[in-house]
Amino acid sequence: MRNILLTVDLEEFVTPAEVGMDIKKDELFNISIEGFNNLIKILSKYPDIKVTFFTTLEFAEKSKSKLKELLNSGHEIALHGLYHNTSLLKMDKKDVKKELLLAKNKLEKMFNIKVKGFRSPQMKGIDLKLLKEIGIKYDSSLHPTYVPGKYNNFFKKRERFFDNIWEVPVSVVPIIRAPFSWVWFRNFGLNYAKICTRLVFIDKDYVNLYFHPWDFVDINKKPFAGNISKVILRNSGNRMIKKFDKYLSWCENNFKSITMGEYVNGCR
């Protein structure tokens, strides 16, 4: 079975803060929420497409009703931390555990669910044993490629494996480790994403892609244009919406779309 695991990291538009821009956090959340609403409109066209939403507690509190509707439609909510701009790797493990457990418990109470999955902010993985201690069943914090200025996971394992909990890496092309999620999807186009998807299925039974809500809103404008790399801004908004719409249609006709939680449950 060839499975598509689509995931979205729900957080404010984080890049401006990462490059030192002084913009109010509420404005950055408004951008992401607008993109999130645009994404929901696309998903409403494809009832067989299921998405795992890795959300910070902060984002969930601002979009509670929308997330409840998505849950009722068969999508999944997973944990992306309490806040996004928190460097978990620099924190004491006890503080990390306390922060993540707080966020997890509040999400579970808010939506009356059991949160099974986790993705670390900035894709910077943490000790899997710690995740197991707070009741997490799977982690998807590994992007096994090289992203300049972010991380170098080029030589890390590309397959899923069990080490206290399941690790479900973001998909990259075999051997050359070419990425094709969010910014690469936008910059290299639909045909590139389709080719990469096919190549991953050569030796895997799933493709795990991730996106952000600001992919689906126009950020290629002031004050971001000129202060943020064009690569990050290019083809956001309507161009991305059209590409993603076509990609979902193609996926629906060729593969099985399931949540990451469903995939992991099937592997046990």
Foldseek 3Di string as FASTA:
>chain_A
DAEEAEEEEEAFQCVCVVLPHDDDRVVRLVLLVVLVVLVVVLVVVPLQAEYEYAYALVSCVVCVVVVLVNVVSAYHYAHAWNHQPDDLVPDDLVVSLVRRLVRQVVVCVSNVHHHAEYEYRLLPDDDVVSVVVSPHAEYASALQDDDPPRDHNVPPDQDWDDDSHIYHYADAAPPNRHDCAELNCQPVHQVVVVVRSVRRVVPDNYHYHYYYSSQACQPCDPPPPVSDDCSNRGRRHPSSSVSVSVNSVVCSVPHRHHHPVVVRVVVD
